[in-house]
C-alpha atoms as a PDB file:
ATOM      1  CA  MET A   1       0.039   0.050   0.017  1.00  0.00           C
ATOM      2  CA  ILE A   2       1.359   3.284  -0.973  1.00  0.00           C
ATOM      3  CA  HIS A   3       0.465   6.238   1.785  1.00  0.00           C
ATOM      4  CA  VAL A   4      -0.012   9.120   0.089  1.00  0.00           C
ATOM      5  CA  THR A   5      -1.502  11.213   3.071  1.00  0.00           C
ATOM      6  CA  ASP A   6      -1.907  10.530   6.937  1.00  0.00           C
ATOM      7  CA  LYS A   7      -5.788   9.518   5.697  1.00  0.00           C
ATOM      8  CA  TYR A   8      -5.866   7.770   2.027  1.00  0.00           C
ATOM      9  CA  ALA A   9      -3.611   5.321   0.240  1.00  0.00           C
ATOM     10  CA  ILE A  10      -3.497   3.494  -3.106  1.00  0.00           C
ATOM     11  CA  ARG A  11      -3.473  -0.359  -3.000  1.00  0.00           C
ATOM     12  CA  VAL A  12      -2.059  -1.719  -6.063  1.00  0.00           C
ATOM     13  CA  ASP A  13      -2.523  -5.327  -7.654  1.00  0.00           C
ATOM     14  CA  LYS A  14      -2.216  -6.737 -10.953  1.00  0.00           C
ATOM     15  CA  PHE A  15      -5.544  -5.219 -12.875  1.00  0.00           C
ATOM     16  CA  GLN A  16      -5.781  -1.793 -11.184  1.00  0.00           C
ATOM     17  CA  TYR A  17      -4.971   1.081  -8.889  1.00  0.00           C
ATOM     18  CA  THR A  18      -7.166   1.563  -5.759  1.00  0.00           C
ATOM     19  CA  SER A  19      -7.614   4.545  -4.073  1.00  0.00           C
ATOM     20  CA  GLY A  20      -9.078   4.746  -0.406  1.00  0.00           C
ATOM     21  CA  LEU A  21      -9.242   5.918   3.056  1.00  0.00           C
ATOM     22  CA  ILE A  22      -7.093   4.221   5.389  1.00  0.00           C
ATOM     23  CA  VAL A  23      -8.780   2.363   8.440  1.00  0.00           C
ATOM     24  CA  LYS A  24      -7.744  -0.267  11.169  1.00  0.00           C
ATOM     25  CA  ASN A  25      -9.064  -3.196  12.124  1.00  0.00           C
ATOM     26  CA  LYS A  26      -9.043  -4.458  15.480  1.00  0.00           C
ATOM     27  CA  LYS A  27      -5.474  -6.243  15.077  1.00  0.00           C
ATOM     28  CA  GLY A  28      -4.272  -2.860  13.857  1.00  0.00           C
ATOM     29  CA  GLU A  29      -4.119  -3.793   9.919  1.00  0.00           C
ATOM     30  CA  GLU A  30      -4.612  -1.452   7.503  1.00  0.00           C
ATOM     31  CA  HIS A  31      -7.521  -1.887   5.091  1.00  0.00           C
ATOM     32  CA  LEU A  32      -8.993   0.598   2.478  1.00  0.00           C
ATOM     33  CA  THR A  33     -12.743   1.611   2.427  1.00  0.00           C
ATOM     34  CA  ASP A  34     -14.678   4.160   0.148  1.00  0.00           C
ATOM     35  CA  CYS A  35     -12.344   2.772  -2.883  1.00  0.00           C
ATOM     36  CA  ARG A  36     -12.529   4.021  -5.859  1.00  0.00           C
ATOM     37  CA  TYR A  37     -10.482   1.930  -9.034  1.00  0.00           C
ATOM     38  CA  PHE A  38      -8.214   3.241 -11.735  1.00  0.00           C
ATOM     39  CA  SER A  39      -6.048   1.704 -14.634  1.00  0.00           C
ATOM     40  CA  LYS A  40      -3.472   4.948 -14.210  1.00  0.00           C
ATOM     41  CA  LEU A  41      -1.339   5.583 -11.025  1.00  0.00           C
ATOM     42  CA  THR A  42      -1.555   8.983 -11.602  1.00  0.00           C
ATOM     43  CA  ASN A  43      -5.485   9.277 -11.927  1.00  0.00           C
ATOM     44  CA  ALA A  44      -5.698   7.321  -8.478  1.00  0.00           C
ATOM     45  CA  PHE A  45      -3.146  10.175  -7.292  1.00  0.00           C
ATOM     46  CA  LYS A  46      -5.413  13.012  -8.560  1.00  0.00           C
ATOM     47  CA  ASP A  47      -8.190  11.371  -6.854  1.00  0.00           C
ATOM     48  CA  ILE A  48      -6.681  11.359  -3.414  1.00  0.00           C
ATOM     49  CA  ALA A  49      -5.745  15.585  -4.214  1.00  0.00           C
ATOM     50  CA  GLU A  50      -9.399  16.002  -5.468  1.00  0.00           C
ATOM     51  CA  ARG A  51     -10.643  14.028  -1.747  1.00  0.00           C
ATOM     52  CA  LYS A  52      -7.990  16.091   0.244  1.00  0.00           C
ATOM     53  CA  VAL A  53      -9.690  19.285  -1.160  1.00  0.00           C
ATOM     54  CA  LYS A  54     -13.344  18.173  -0.566  1.00  0.00           C
ATOM     55  CA  ASP A  55     -12.308  17.113   2.918  1.00  0.00           C
ATOM     56  CA  THR A  56     -10.537  20.819   3.854  1.00  0.00           C
ATOM     57  CA  LEU A  57     -13.461  22.712   2.206  1.00  0.00           C
ATOM     58  CA  SER A  58     -16.181  20.875   3.762  1.00  0.00           C
ATOM     59  CA  ASP A  59     -14.680  21.133   6.831  1.00  0.00           C
ATOM     60  CA  SER A  60     -14.302  25.034   6.662  1.00  0.00           C
ATOM     61  CA  ASP A  61     -16.060  28.412   7.076  1.00  0.00           C
ATOM     62  CA  MET A  62     -14.240  30.470   4.502  1.00  0.00           C
ATOM     63  CA  SER A  63     -14.371  33.479   2.234  1.00  0.00           C
ATOM     64  CA  LEU A  64     -14.240  32.459  -1.626  1.00  0.00           C
ATOM     65  CA  LYS A  65     -10.861  33.615  -1.629  1.00  0.00           C
ATOM     66  CA  GLU A  66      -9.578  31.143   1.170  1.00  0.00           C
ATOM     67  CA  ALA A  67     -11.096  28.695  -0.794  1.00  0.00           C
ATOM     68  CA  VAL A  68      -9.466  29.549  -4.089  1.00  0.00           C
ATOM     69  CA  GLU A  69      -6.044  29.699  -2.264  1.00  0.00           C
ATOM     70  CA  THR A  70      -6.517  26.648  -0.293  1.00  0.00           C
ATOM     71  CA  ILE A  71      -7.061  24.364  -3.506  1.00  0.00           C
ATOM     72  CA  ASP A  72      -3.997  25.659  -5.023  1.00  0.00           C
ATOM     73  CA  SER A  73      -2.083  25.159  -1.968  1.00  0.00           C
ATOM     74  CA  ILE A  74      -3.478  21.485  -2.017  1.00  0.00           C
ATOM     75  CA  TYR A  75      -2.930  20.838  -5.992  1.00  0.00           C
ATOM     76  CA  SER A  76       0.211  22.436  -5.225  1.00  0.00           C
ATOM     77  CA  GLU A  77       1.389  20.016  -2.686  1.00  0.00           C
ATOM     78  CA  PHE A  78       0.387  17.051  -4.895  1.00  0.00           C
ATOM     79  CA  ASP A  79       2.251  18.453  -8.289  1.00  0.00           C
ATOM     80  CA  LYS A  80       5.285  19.077  -5.760  1.00  0.00           C
ATOM     81  CA  LYS A  81       4.699  15.181  -4.551  1.00  0.00           C
ATOM     82  CA  MET A  82       4.402  14.090  -8.616  1.00  0.00           C
ATOM     83  CA  ASP A  83       7.363  15.481  -9.574  1.00  0.00           C
ATOM     84  CA  GLU A  84       9.627  14.113  -7.003  1.00  0.00           C
ATOM     85  CA  VAL A  85       8.021  10.583  -8.051  1.00  0.00           C
ATOM     86  CA  TRP A  86       8.944  11.173 -11.720  1.00  0.00           C
ATOM     87  CA  ALA A  87      12.338  12.585 -11.089  1.00  0.00           C
ATOM     88  CA  SER A  88      13.171   9.431  -9.052  1.00  0.00           C
ATOM     89  CA  ILE A  89      11.986   7.609 -12.010  1.00  0.00           C
ATOM     90  CA  THR A  90      13.802   8.425 -15.072  1.00  0.00           C
ATOM     91  CA  HIS A  91      13.434   5.104 -16.744  1.00  0.00           C
ATOM     92  CA  VAL A  92       9.586   4.839 -17.310  1.00  0.00           C
ATOM     93  CA  ASP A  93       7.043   6.401 -19.788  1.00  0.00           C
ATOM     94  CA  LYS A  94       5.103   8.508 -17.548  1.00  0.00           C
ATOM     95  CA  ARG A  95       2.246   8.112 -20.394  1.00  0.00           C
ATOM     96  CA  MET A  96       2.132   4.767 -18.776  1.00  0.00           C
ATOM     97  CA  TYR A  97       0.972   5.809 -15.675  1.00  0.00           C
END
């Protein structure tokens, strides 16, 4: 499982990328709930960015300007994370992911 944030992760199998909310069972094992399925890793990553935006905005009372700044900040944070991934994976065709 790829932990993208403290709250969300991506599970990978031979068929798909699954994004979801991280939950722990009574044994402390982590699982995903509220799952969404993607054929590309980048789409699963974008989904988590969108979820974080929705979580942040739904938990807040702010002006339109503050909301736009918050959205921009979250997407910038995720863009930096993806840039770091692509910088470390130079031998892979990015269009595949």
